[in-house]
Amino acid sequence: MAEPMSDKYYEEKFEFPLWKLIKRRAEEKDISYIEASEEVIPEYARNIRYRDTKFEEAAVQEGAKEIAEWAERGRKEMT
């Protein structure tokens, strides 16, 4: 019987990109997270891709591709 898939995918450290930017700004300027967020959020919001269907479709396709790769890897591990 094949070994179960590793839990390493569930153990990956994850931080939201916005939070990374806020922390970085706070550390660079030696300011609080609140002050850093007040500087970072308006800049970050201008770069959000609202109603960008090409970007959304590309992201969905990339996600589907990644899921297919995981499924294939799982099938290979089961044989």
Protein backbone atom coordinates (compact mmCIF):
# COMPACT_ATOMS: atom_id res chain seq x y z
CA MET A 1 0.00 0.00 0.00
CA ALA A 2 1.30 3.43 -0.91
CA GLU A 3 2.15 5.90 1.81
CA PRO A 4 -0.32 8.75 2.33
CA MET A 5 0.56 12.12 0.87
CA SER A 6 2.78 14.15 3.13
CA ASP A 7 1.28 16.74 5.42
CA LYS A 8 3.97 19.19 4.35
CA TYR A 9 1.38 21.01 2.23
CA TYR A 10 -0.60 21.71 5.36
CA GLU A 11 2.45 22.82 7.31
CA GLU A 12 3.59 25.56 4.93
CA LYS A 13 3.76 28.94 6.60
CA PHE A 14 1.36 31.36 4.97
CA GLU A 15 1.10 35.11 5.33
CA PHE A 16 -1.19 37.38 3.37
CA PRO A 17 0.72 39.61 0.93
CA LEU A 18 -0.79 42.76 2.44
CA TRP A 19 0.31 41.72 5.91
CA LYS A 20 3.86 41.14 4.63
CA LEU A 21 3.91 44.65 3.19
CA ILE A 22 2.63 46.17 6.43
CA LYS A 23 5.19 44.32 8.54
CA ARG A 24 8.02 45.26 6.19
CA ARG A 25 7.05 48.96 6.22
CA ALA A 26 6.73 48.95 10.02
CA GLU A 27 10.18 47.42 10.41
CA GLU A 28 11.79 49.72 7.83
CA LYS A 29 10.43 52.89 9.43
CA ASP A 30 10.31 51.60 13.02
CA ILE A 31 6.63 52.47 13.29
CA SER A 32 3.55 50.62 14.54
CA TYR A 33 1.59 48.23 12.37
CA ILE A 34 -1.34 50.67 12.43
CA GLU A 35 0.82 53.51 11.10
CA ALA A 36 2.36 51.22 8.49
CA SER A 37 -1.06 50.02 7.38
CA GLU A 38 -2.22 53.62 6.94
CA GLU A 39 0.69 54.12 4.52
CA VAL A 40 0.51 50.77 2.73
CA ILE A 41 -3.21 50.12 2.25
CA PRO A 42 -4.01 53.04 -0.11
CA GLU A 43 -1.03 52.08 -2.28
CA TYR A 44 -2.02 48.40 -2.18
CA ALA A 45 -5.66 49.14 -3.02
CA ARG A 46 -4.67 50.96 -6.22
CA ASN A 47 -3.06 47.75 -7.49
CA ILE A 48 -6.03 45.44 -6.87
CA ARG A 49 -7.38 44.06 -10.15
CA TYR A 50 -11.12 44.58 -9.88
CA ARG A 51 -13.07 43.36 -12.90
CA ASP A 52 -9.90 42.21 -14.69
CA THR A 53 -11.38 39.12 -16.35
CA LYS A 54 -8.15 38.13 -18.09
CA PHE A 55 -6.31 38.09 -14.77
CA GLU A 56 -9.13 36.18 -13.07
CA GLU A 57 -9.29 33.56 -15.83
CA ALA A 58 -5.52 33.11 -15.75
CA ALA A 59 -5.63 32.65 -11.96
CA VAL A 60 -8.44 30.07 -12.23
CA GLN A 61 -6.56 28.16 -14.95
CA GLU A 62 -3.36 28.21 -12.89
CA GLY A 63 -5.26 26.85 -9.89
CA ALA A 64 -6.84 24.09 -11.99
CA LYS A 65 -3.41 23.18 -13.36
CA GLU A 66 -1.97 22.98 -9.85
CA ILE A 67 -4.83 20.76 -8.66
CA ALA A 68 -4.35 18.47 -11.67
CA GLU A 69 -0.63 18.19 -10.86
CA TRP A 70 -1.43 17.30 -7.23
CA ALA A 71 -3.95 14.70 -8.38
CA GLU A 72 -1.43 13.16 -10.78
CA ARG A 73 1.22 13.09 -8.07
CA GLY A 74 -1.28 11.41 -5.73
CA ARG A 75 -2.15 8.78 -8.34
CA LYS A 76 1.54 8.02 -8.89
CA GLU A 77 2.12 7.65 -5.16
CA MET A 78 -0.79 5.22 -4.89
CA THR A 79 0.66 2.85 -7.50
